[in-house]
C-alpha atoms as a PDB file:
ATOM      1  CA  UNK A   1     130.643  78.750  94.984  1.00  0.00           C
ATOM      2  CA  UNK A   2     128.537  81.128  93.288  1.00  0.00           C
ATOM      3  CA  UNK A   3     127.565  84.299  95.057  1.00  0.00           C
ATOM      4  CA  UNK A   4     124.581  83.715  96.841  1.00  0.00           C
ATOM      5  CA  UNK A   5     121.817  85.987  95.354  1.00  0.00           C
ATOM      6  CA  UNK A   6     120.130  88.946  97.417  1.00  0.00           C
ATOM      7  CA  UNK A   7     116.180  87.257  97.847  1.00  0.00           C
ATOM      8  CA  UNK A   8     115.136  91.183  97.331  1.00  0.00           C
ATOM      9  CA  UNK A   9     116.624  91.323  94.296  1.00  0.00           C
ATOM     10  CA  UNK A  10     114.594  88.420  93.091  1.00  0.00           C
ATOM     11  CA  UNK A  11     111.334  89.984  94.806  1.00  0.00           C
ATOM     12  CA  UNK A  12     111.898  93.789  93.457  1.00  0.00           C
ATOM     13  CA  UNK A  13     110.689  92.015  89.945  1.00  0.00           C
ATOM     14  CA  UNK A  14     107.331  91.191  91.580  1.00  0.00           C
ATOM     15  CA  UNK A  15     107.074  93.307  94.399  1.00  0.00           C
ATOM     16  CA  UNK A  16     104.419  95.565  93.330  1.00  0.00           C
ATOM     17  CA  UNK A  17     102.191  93.419  91.635  1.00  0.00           C
ATOM     18  CA  UNK A  18     101.592  92.651  95.706  1.00  0.00           C
ATOM     19  CA  UNK A  19     101.705  95.897  97.483  1.00  0.00           C
ATOM     20  CA  UNK A  20     100.843  98.293  94.817  1.00  0.00           C
ATOM     21  CA  UNK A  21      97.165  97.487  95.648  1.00  0.00           C
ATOM     22  CA  UNK A  22      97.946  97.880  99.368  1.00  0.00           C
ATOM     23  CA  UNK A  23      97.074 101.265 100.657  1.00  0.00           C
ATOM     24  CA  UNK A  24      95.154 100.668 104.164  1.00  0.00           C
ATOM     25  CA  UNK A  25      98.173 102.480 105.625  1.00  0.00           C
ATOM     26  CA  UNK A  26      98.669 105.370 103.716  1.00  0.00           C
ATOM     27  CA  UNK A  27      96.098 107.718 105.370  1.00  0.00           C
ATOM     28  CA  UNK A  28      97.462 107.028 108.596  1.00  0.00           C
ATOM     29  CA  UNK A  29     101.566 107.794 107.628  1.00  0.00           C
ATOM     30  CA  UNK A  30      99.976 110.965 105.688  1.00  0.00           C
ATOM     31  CA  UNK A  31      98.131 111.743 109.201  1.00  0.00           C
ATOM     32  CA  UNK A  32     101.063 110.640 111.340  1.00  0.00           C
ATOM     33  CA  UNK A  33     103.407 112.980 109.124  1.00  0.00           C
ATOM     34  CA  UNK A  34     101.171 116.001 109.402  1.00  0.00           C
ATOM     35  CA  UNK A  35     101.538 115.935 113.245  1.00  0.00           C
ATOM     36  CA  UNK A  36     105.323 115.385 113.282  1.00  0.00           C
ATOM     37  CA  UNK A  37     106.331 117.547 110.545  1.00  0.00           C
ATOM     38  CA  UNK A  38     109.378 117.165 107.732  1.00  0.00           C
ATOM     39  CA  UNK A  39     111.849 115.436 107.018  1.00  0.00           C
ATOM     40  CA  UNK A  40     110.111 112.131 106.804  1.00  0.00           C
ATOM     41  CA  UNK A  41     112.676 108.952 106.943  1.00  0.00           C
ATOM     42  CA  UNK A  42     111.003 105.464 105.790  1.00  0.00           C
ATOM     43  CA  UNK A  43     113.220 102.728 106.281  1.00  0.00           C
ATOM     44  CA  UNK A  44     113.292  99.740 104.409  1.00  0.00           C
ATOM     45  CA  UNK A  45     111.077 101.730 101.568  1.00  0.00           C
ATOM     46  CA  UNK A  46     111.220  99.236  99.013  1.00  0.00           C
ATOM     47  CA  UNK A  47     109.903  99.947  95.792  1.00  0.00           C
ATOM     48  CA  UNK A  48     108.557 103.427  97.391  1.00  0.00           C
ATOM     49  CA  UNK A  49     105.009 102.884  98.134  1.00  0.00           C
ATOM     50  CA  UNK A  50     104.645 105.364 100.927  1.00  0.00           C
ATOM     51  CA  UNK A  51     107.413 107.491  99.493  1.00  0.00           C
ATOM     52  CA  UNK A  52     105.056 108.432  96.331  1.00  0.00           C
ATOM     53  CA  UNK A  53     102.078 109.674  98.380  1.00  0.00           C
ATOM     54  CA  UNK A  54     104.080 111.419 101.028  1.00  0.00           C
ATOM     55  CA  UNK A  55     105.863 113.284  98.698  1.00  0.00           C
ATOM     56  CA  UNK A  56     103.100 114.266  96.802  1.00  0.00           C
ATOM     57  CA  UNK A  57     101.325 115.350  99.550  1.00  0.00           C
ATOM     58  CA  UNK A  58     104.111 118.124  99.701  1.00  0.00           C
ATOM     59  CA  UNK A  59     106.287 116.383 102.852  1.00  0.00           C
ATOM     60  CA  UNK A  60     109.940 116.412 102.558  1.00  0.00           C
ATOM     61  CA  UNK A  61     110.686 112.669 102.557  1.00  0.00           C
ATOM     62  CA  UNK A  62     113.923 110.365 102.201  1.00  0.00           C
ATOM     63  CA  UNK A  63     114.274 106.626 101.418  1.00  0.00           C
ATOM     64  CA  UNK A  64     116.610 104.130 102.608  1.00  0.00           C
ATOM     65  CA  UNK A  65     116.784 100.047 101.835  1.00  0.00           C
ATOM     66  CA  UNK A  66     119.592  97.779 101.511  1.00  0.00           C
ATOM     67  CA  UNK A  67     118.663  96.327  98.089  1.00  0.00           C
ATOM     68  CA  UNK A  68     119.447  97.960  95.189  1.00  0.00           C
ATOM     69  CA  UNK A  69     116.892  96.190  92.930  1.00  0.00           C
ATOM     70  CA  UNK A  70     114.283  97.738  95.178  1.00  0.00           C
ATOM     71  CA  UNK A  71     115.668 101.427  95.074  1.00  0.00           C
ATOM     72  CA  UNK A  72     116.286 101.205  91.400  1.00  0.00           C
ATOM     73  CA  UNK A  73     112.463 100.335  91.326  1.00  0.00           C
ATOM     74  CA  UNK A  74     111.223 103.203  93.668  1.00  0.00           C
ATOM     75  CA  UNK A  75     113.750 105.579  91.437  1.00  0.00           C
ATOM     76  CA  UNK A  76     111.384 104.718  88.399  1.00  0.00           C
ATOM     77  CA  UNK A  77     108.355 105.092  89.977  1.00  0.00           C
ATOM     78  CA  UNK A  78     109.307 108.545  91.813  1.00  0.00           C
ATOM     79  CA  UNK A  79     110.261 110.164  88.398  1.00  0.00           C
ATOM     80  CA  UNK A  80     107.074 108.935  86.520  1.00  0.00           C
ATOM     81  CA  UNK A  81     105.527 111.116  88.856  1.00  0.00           C
ATOM     82  CA  UNK A  82     108.193 114.195  88.648  1.00  0.00           C
ATOM     83  CA  UNK A  83     109.684 113.224  92.043  1.00  0.00           C
ATOM     84  CA  UNK A  84     113.188 112.936  90.964  1.00  0.00           C
ATOM     85  CA  UNK A  85     114.397 115.095  94.491  1.00  0.00           C
ATOM     86  CA  UNK A  86     113.123 112.489  96.891  1.00  0.00           C
ATOM     87  CA  UNK A  87     116.592 111.370  98.071  1.00  0.00           C
ATOM     88  CA  UNK A  88     117.071 107.559  97.996  1.00  0.00           C
ATOM     89  CA  UNK A  89     120.218 105.793  99.606  1.00  0.00           C
ATOM     90  CA  UNK A  90     121.061 102.038 100.025  1.00  0.00           C
ATOM     91  CA  UNK A  91     121.928 101.250 103.401  1.00  0.00           C
ATOM     92  CA  UNK A  92     121.465  99.060 106.071  1.00  0.00           C
ATOM     93  CA  UNK A  93     119.069 100.142 109.262  1.00  0.00           C
ATOM     94  CA  UNK A  94     122.097  99.065 111.037  1.00  0.00           C
ATOM     95  CA  UNK A  95     124.092 101.707 110.024  1.00  0.00           C
ATOM     96  CA  UNK A  96     123.063 105.063 109.230  1.00  0.00           C
ATOM     97  CA  UNK A  97     126.282 106.931 110.006  1.00  0.00           C
ATOM     98  CA  UNK A  98     125.251 108.983 106.291  1.00  0.00           C
ATOM     99  CA  UNK A  99     122.207 110.339 107.772  1.00  0.00           C
ATOM    100  CA  UNK A 100     122.651 113.791 109.506  1.00  0.00           C
ATOM    101  CA  UNK A 101     121.939 113.348 113.135  1.00  0.00           C
ATOM    102  CA  UNK A 102     118.818 114.544 115.335  1.00  0.00           C
ATOM    103  CA  UNK A 103     117.454 115.804 111.772  1.00  0.00           C
ATOM    104  CA  UNK A 104     113.964 113.765 110.574  1.00  0.00           C
ATOM    105  CA  UNK A 105     110.590 114.283 112.401  1.00  0.00           C
ATOM    106  CA  UNK A 106     109.033 111.131 111.640  1.00  0.00           C
ATOM    107  CA  UNK A 107     110.652 107.797 111.000  1.00  0.00           C
ATOM    108  CA  UNK A 108     108.795 104.742 109.444  1.00  0.00           C
ATOM    109  CA  UNK A 109     109.505 101.215 109.351  1.00  0.00           C
ATOM    110  CA  UNK A 110     105.949  99.698 107.730  1.00  0.00           C
ATOM    111  CA  UNK A 111     105.116  96.225 106.820  1.00  0.00           C
ATOM    112  CA  UNK A 112     107.327  93.840 109.245  1.00  0.00           C
ATOM    113  CA  UNK A 113     110.710  96.047 108.087  1.00  0.00           C
ATOM    114  CA  UNK A 114     111.896  95.814 111.559  1.00  0.00           C
ATOM    115  CA  UNK A 115     111.667  91.798 111.500  1.00  0.00           C
ATOM    116  CA  UNK A 116     114.018  91.616 109.270  1.00  0.00           C
ATOM    117  CA  UNK A 117     116.633  92.368 112.385  1.00  0.00           C
ATOM    118  CA  UNK A 118     117.550  88.575 112.816  1.00  0.00           C
ATOM    119  CA  UNK A 119     118.989  88.863 116.594  1.00  0.00           C
ATOM    120  CA  UNK A 120     118.882  91.027 119.889  1.00  0.00           C
ATOM    121  CA  UNK A 121     122.014  92.693 118.725  1.00  0.00           C
ATOM    122  CA  UNK A 122     120.915  94.289 115.665  1.00  0.00           C
ATOM    123  CA  UNK A 123     117.883  95.187 116.717  1.00  0.00           C
ATOM    124  CA  UNK A 124     119.223  97.228 119.248  1.00  0.00           C
ATOM    125  CA  UNK A 125     121.513  98.595 117.074  1.00  0.00           C
ATOM    126  CA  UNK A 126     118.750  99.732 115.052  1.00  0.00           C
ATOM    127  CA  UNK A 127     117.099 101.776 117.236  1.00  0.00           C
ATOM    128  CA  UNK A 128     120.184 103.622 118.794  1.00  0.00           C
ATOM    129  CA  UNK A 129     120.739 104.707 114.932  1.00  0.00           C
ATOM    130  CA  UNK A 130     117.091 105.997 114.620  1.00  0.00           C
ATOM    131  CA  UNK A 131     117.641 107.614 117.965  1.00  0.00           C
ATOM    132  CA  UNK A 132     120.509 109.175 116.516  1.00  0.00           C
ATOM    133  CA  UNK A 133     118.784 110.461 113.544  1.00  0.00           C
ATOM    134  CA  UNK A 134     115.453 111.870 114.847  1.00  0.00           C
ATOM    135  CA  UNK A 135     114.936 115.367 116.595  1.00  0.00           C
ATOM    136  CA  UNK A 136     114.153 115.354 120.106  1.00  0.00           C
ATOM    137  CA  UNK A 137     110.387 114.692 120.230  1.00  0.00           C
ATOM    138  CA  UNK A 138     110.459 112.826 116.740  1.00  0.00           C
ATOM    139  CA  UNK A 139     108.228 110.034 115.816  1.00  0.00           C
ATOM    140  CA  UNK A 140     109.263 106.570 115.171  1.00  0.00           C
ATOM    141  CA  UNK A 141     106.247 104.592 114.173  1.00  0.00           C
ATOM    142  CA  UNK A 142     106.746 100.774 113.691  1.00  0.00           C
ATOM    143  CA  UNK A 143     104.536  98.511 112.250  1.00  0.00           C
ATOM    144  CA  UNK A 144     104.675  94.650 112.759  1.00  0.00           C
ATOM    145  CA  UNK A 145     103.008  91.349 113.025  1.00  0.00           C
ATOM    146  CA  UNK A 146     101.026  90.757 115.734  1.00  0.00           C
ATOM    147  CA  UNK A 147     102.472  87.076 116.304  1.00  0.00           C
ATOM    148  CA  UNK A 148      99.298  85.736 117.629  1.00  0.00           C
ATOM    149  CA  UNK A 149      99.086  81.582 118.007  1.00  0.00           C
ATOM    150  CA  UNK A 150      96.357  81.772 115.192  1.00  0.00           C
ATOM    151  CA  UNK A 151      98.705  83.307 113.158  1.00  0.00           C
ATOM    152  CA  UNK A 152     101.846  81.510 113.551  1.00  0.00           C
ATOM    153  CA  UNK A 153      99.811  78.129 113.855  1.00  0.00           C
ATOM    154  CA  UNK A 154      98.069  78.896 110.381  1.00  0.00           C
ATOM    155  CA  UNK A 155     101.393  79.048 108.091  1.00  0.00           C
ATOM    156  CA  UNK A 156     103.137  75.733 109.441  1.00  0.00           C
ATOM    157  CA  UNK A 157     103.348  73.060 107.018  1.00  0.00           C
ATOM    158  CA  UNK A 158     101.581  74.302 104.452  1.00  0.00           C
ATOM    159  CA  UNK A 159     102.033  75.103 101.185  1.00  0.00           C
ATOM    160  CA  UNK A 160      99.960  78.229 100.005  1.00  0.00           C
ATOM    161  CA  UNK A 161      99.121  79.822  96.476  1.00  0.00           C
ATOM    162  CA  UNK A 162      98.903  83.160  96.903  1.00  0.00           C
ATOM    163  CA  UNK A 163      97.879  85.081  94.051  1.00  0.00           C
ATOM    164  CA  UNK A 164      98.215  85.366  89.811  1.00  0.00           C
ATOM    165  CA  UNK A 165      98.827  87.906  87.976  1.00  0.00           C
ATOM    166  CA  UNK A 166      98.802  88.365  84.163  1.00  0.00           C
ATOM    167  CA  UNK A 167     101.994  90.568  82.892  1.00  0.00           C
ATOM    168  CA  UNK A 168     102.152  92.603  80.072  1.00  0.00           C
ATOM    169  CA  UNK A 169     104.028  90.374  77.741  1.00  0.00           C
ATOM    170  CA  UNK A 170     101.037  88.101  77.872  1.00  0.00           C
ATOM    171  CA  UNK A 171     102.852  85.516  80.680  1.00  0.00           C
ATOM    172  CA  UNK A 172     100.852  83.998  83.672  1.00  0.00           C
ATOM    173  CA  UNK A 173     102.684  84.556  87.259  1.00  0.00           C
ATOM    174  CA  UNK A 174     101.601  82.511  90.057  1.00  0.00           C
ATOM    175  CA  UNK A 175     103.360  82.909  93.390  1.00  0.00           C
ATOM    176  CA  UNK A 176     103.646  80.429  96.194  1.00  0.00           C
ATOM    177  CA  UNK A 177     104.635  80.086  99.619  1.00  0.00           C
ATOM    178  CA  UNK A 178     105.540  77.944 102.629  1.00  0.00           C
ATOM    179  CA  UNK A 179     106.625  78.809 106.180  1.00  0.00           C
ATOM    180  CA  UNK A 180     108.259  77.347 108.744  1.00  0.00           C
ATOM    181  CA  UNK A 181     108.159  79.166 112.399  1.00  0.00           C
ATOM    182  CA  UNK A 182     110.220  78.240 115.341  1.00  0.00           C
ATOM    183  CA  UNK A 183     108.816  79.623 118.527  1.00  0.00           C
ATOM    184  CA  UNK A 184     112.040  78.953 120.219  1.00  0.00           C
ATOM    185  CA  UNK A 185     113.917  81.341 118.084  1.00  0.00           C
ATOM    186  CA  UNK A 186     111.163  83.303 117.062  1.00  0.00           C
ATOM    187  CA  UNK A 187     111.574  82.800 113.463  1.00  0.00           C
ATOM    188  CA  UNK A 188     109.716  82.862 110.596  1.00  0.00           C
ATOM    189  CA  UNK A 189     111.191  80.907 107.271  1.00  0.00           C
ATOM    190  CA  UNK A 190     109.389  81.585 104.271  1.00  0.00           C
ATOM    191  CA  UNK A 191     109.830  80.237 100.960  1.00  0.00           C
ATOM    192  CA  UNK A 192     108.485  82.056  97.799  1.00  0.00           C
ATOM    193  CA  UNK A 193     107.908  80.520  94.466  1.00  0.00           C
ATOM    194  CA  UNK A 194     107.076  83.145  91.643  1.00  0.00           C
ATOM    195  CA  UNK A 195     106.101  80.583  88.754  1.00  0.00           C
ATOM    196  CA  UNK A 196     105.849  81.902  85.203  1.00  0.00           C
ATOM    197  CA  UNK A 197     103.878  80.241  82.295  1.00  0.00           C
ATOM    198  CA  UNK A 198     104.725  82.700  79.309  1.00  0.00           C
ATOM    199  CA  UNK A 199     102.790  82.815  76.009  1.00  0.00           C
ATOM    200  CA  UNK A 200     104.667  80.157  74.036  1.00  0.00           C
ATOM    201  CA  UNK A 201     103.877  77.348  76.609  1.00  0.00           C
ATOM    202  CA  UNK A 202     107.571  77.272  78.651  1.00  0.00           C
ATOM    203  CA  UNK A 203     107.692  77.569  82.678  1.00  0.00           C
ATOM    204  CA  UNK A 204     110.325  79.252  84.473  1.00  0.00           C
ATOM    205  CA  UNK A 205     110.519  79.208  88.552  1.00  0.00           C
ATOM    206  CA  UNK A 206     112.098  82.303  90.423  1.00  0.00           C
ATOM    207  CA  UNK A 207     112.675  80.602  94.255  1.00  0.00           C
ATOM    208  CA  UNK A 208     113.760  82.853  97.505  1.00  0.00           C
ATOM    209  CA  UNK A 209     113.658  82.360 100.933  1.00  0.00           C
ATOM    210  CA  UNK A 210     114.266  84.712 103.742  1.00  0.00           C
ATOM    211  CA  UNK A 211     113.765  84.825 107.290  1.00  0.00           C
ATOM    212  CA  UNK A 212     111.753  87.506 109.667  1.00  0.00           C
ATOM    213  CA  UNK A 213     112.293  87.458 113.139  1.00  0.00           C
ATOM    214  CA  UNK A 214     108.939  88.093 115.070  1.00  0.00           C
ATOM    215  CA  UNK A 215     108.886  90.238 118.535  1.00  0.00           C
ATOM    216  CA  UNK A 216     106.341  90.278 121.128  1.00  0.00           C
ATOM    217  CA  UNK A 217     104.871  93.587 122.437  1.00  0.00           C
ATOM    218  CA  UNK A 218     106.426  94.227 125.894  1.00  0.00           C
ATOM    219  CA  UNK A 219     109.729  92.442 124.346  1.00  0.00           C
ATOM    220  CA  UNK A 220     109.118  95.644 121.954  1.00  0.00           C
ATOM    221  CA  UNK A 221     108.603  97.931 124.770  1.00  0.00           C
ATOM    222  CA  UNK A 222     111.868  97.353 126.484  1.00  0.00           C
ATOM    223  CA  UNK A 223     113.872  97.097 123.496  1.00  0.00           C
ATOM    224  CA  UNK A 224     112.357 100.385 122.624  1.00  0.00           C
ATOM    225  CA  UNK A 225     113.018 102.283 125.816  1.00  0.00           C
ATOM    226  CA  UNK A 226     116.289 100.773 126.019  1.00  0.00           C
ATOM    227  CA  UNK A 227     117.431 102.722 123.094  1.00  0.00           C
ATOM    228  CA  UNK A 228     115.889 106.205 124.579  1.00  0.00           C
ATOM    229  CA  UNK A 229     112.263 105.677 123.393  1.00  0.00           C
ATOM    230  CA  UNK A 230     109.087 106.770 125.312  1.00  0.00           C
ATOM    231  CA  UNK A 231     105.963 104.867 124.307  1.00  0.00           C
ATOM    232  CA  UNK A 232     102.976 106.654 123.338  1.00  0.00           C
ATOM    233  CA  UNK A 233     100.672 104.117 121.863  1.00  0.00           C
ATOM    234  CA  UNK A 234     100.376 100.847 120.379  1.00  0.00           C
ATOM    235  CA  UNK A 235      97.657 100.564 118.386  1.00  0.00           C
ATOM    236  CA  UNK A 236      95.984  97.101 116.630  1.00  0.00           C
ATOM    237  CA  UNK A 237      95.540  98.649 113.405  1.00  0.00           C
ATOM    238  CA  UNK A 238      95.681 101.254 110.762  1.00  0.00           C
ATOM    239  CA  UNK A 239      92.648 102.271 112.284  1.00  0.00           C
ATOM    240  CA  UNK A 240      94.207 102.948 115.563  1.00  0.00           C
ATOM    241  CA  UNK A 241      91.523  99.715 117.066  1.00  0.00           C
ATOM    242  CA  UNK A 242      93.381  98.967 120.648  1.00  0.00           C
ATOM    243  CA  UNK A 243      95.658  96.191 120.362  1.00  0.00           C
ATOM    244  CA  UNK A 244      93.593  93.312 121.330  1.00  0.00           C
ATOM    245  CA  UNK A 245      94.182  89.516 121.318  1.00  0.00           C
ATOM    246  CA  UNK A 246      93.125  88.697 117.751  1.00  0.00           C
ATOM    247  CA  UNK A 247      94.558  92.021 116.398  1.00  0.00           C
ATOM    248  CA  UNK A 248      96.553  90.755 113.004  1.00  0.00           C
ATOM    249  CA  UNK A 249      99.297  93.786 113.660  1.00  0.00           C
ATOM    250  CA  UNK A 250     100.977  95.781 116.071  1.00  0.00           C
ATOM    251  CA  UNK A 251     101.294  99.627 115.300  1.00  0.00           C
ATOM    252  CA  UNK A 252     103.813 101.173 117.696  1.00  0.00           C
ATOM    253  CA  UNK A 253     104.449 105.207 118.144  1.00  0.00           C
ATOM    254  CA  UNK A 254     107.291 105.758 119.941  1.00  0.00           C
ATOM    255  CA  UNK A 255     108.930 109.293 120.493  1.00  0.00           C
ATOM    256  CA  UNK A 256     112.319 109.837 121.010  1.00  0.00           C
ATOM    257  CA  UNK A 257     112.733 110.942 124.445  1.00  0.00           C
END
């Protein structure tokens, strides 16, 4: 049997088509970096979407991701902007043993990065690792889905056409997605289909699947407090609006106690 390919090795090729235009959270992270100071560590840094504006603003930043393909694209992005000094590491958030203890002033897990931890043991281990590398009084920012019934029910049983993009080689790329939600397991299994029609009319498809495990507010508070963090605030938007019933996300600000 062939080796199973990491889904993010596939997604990396198309990731920036979607997320390059997503800047809604950038000012938020710049403001918290200004408050906390440097160095800043982003876990699950992907292709460097947040690393770039943080580094350009003068902050000392490092990025960690488990996908070599994502990190390669992050390095390309940073090099294009003369920021090759930004350190990138391939590692899993559950094993940050190569990072220095009590070193970082701010740790960021953006856009559901924490939800890739699929069981309680992995969640606890990751938070303990983050606690170890943060300075006392340092900040942890977690941006995760707020799992409202409307959001979860809206995905179930639907095949969605997410977007179309024209590629530089003249190809047309369409992305479709489908999701299966398991409330008992608190998981969202996602299938992504990238259909690429080339100028000669040939059609190819890349298909990947991955699983996220969503968390509820008080569950997450208990996990953080058990790992040695103090909850400072939980917001419902990047504009720091209060968390309400229909808020699409939970932005957790936690302090290393």
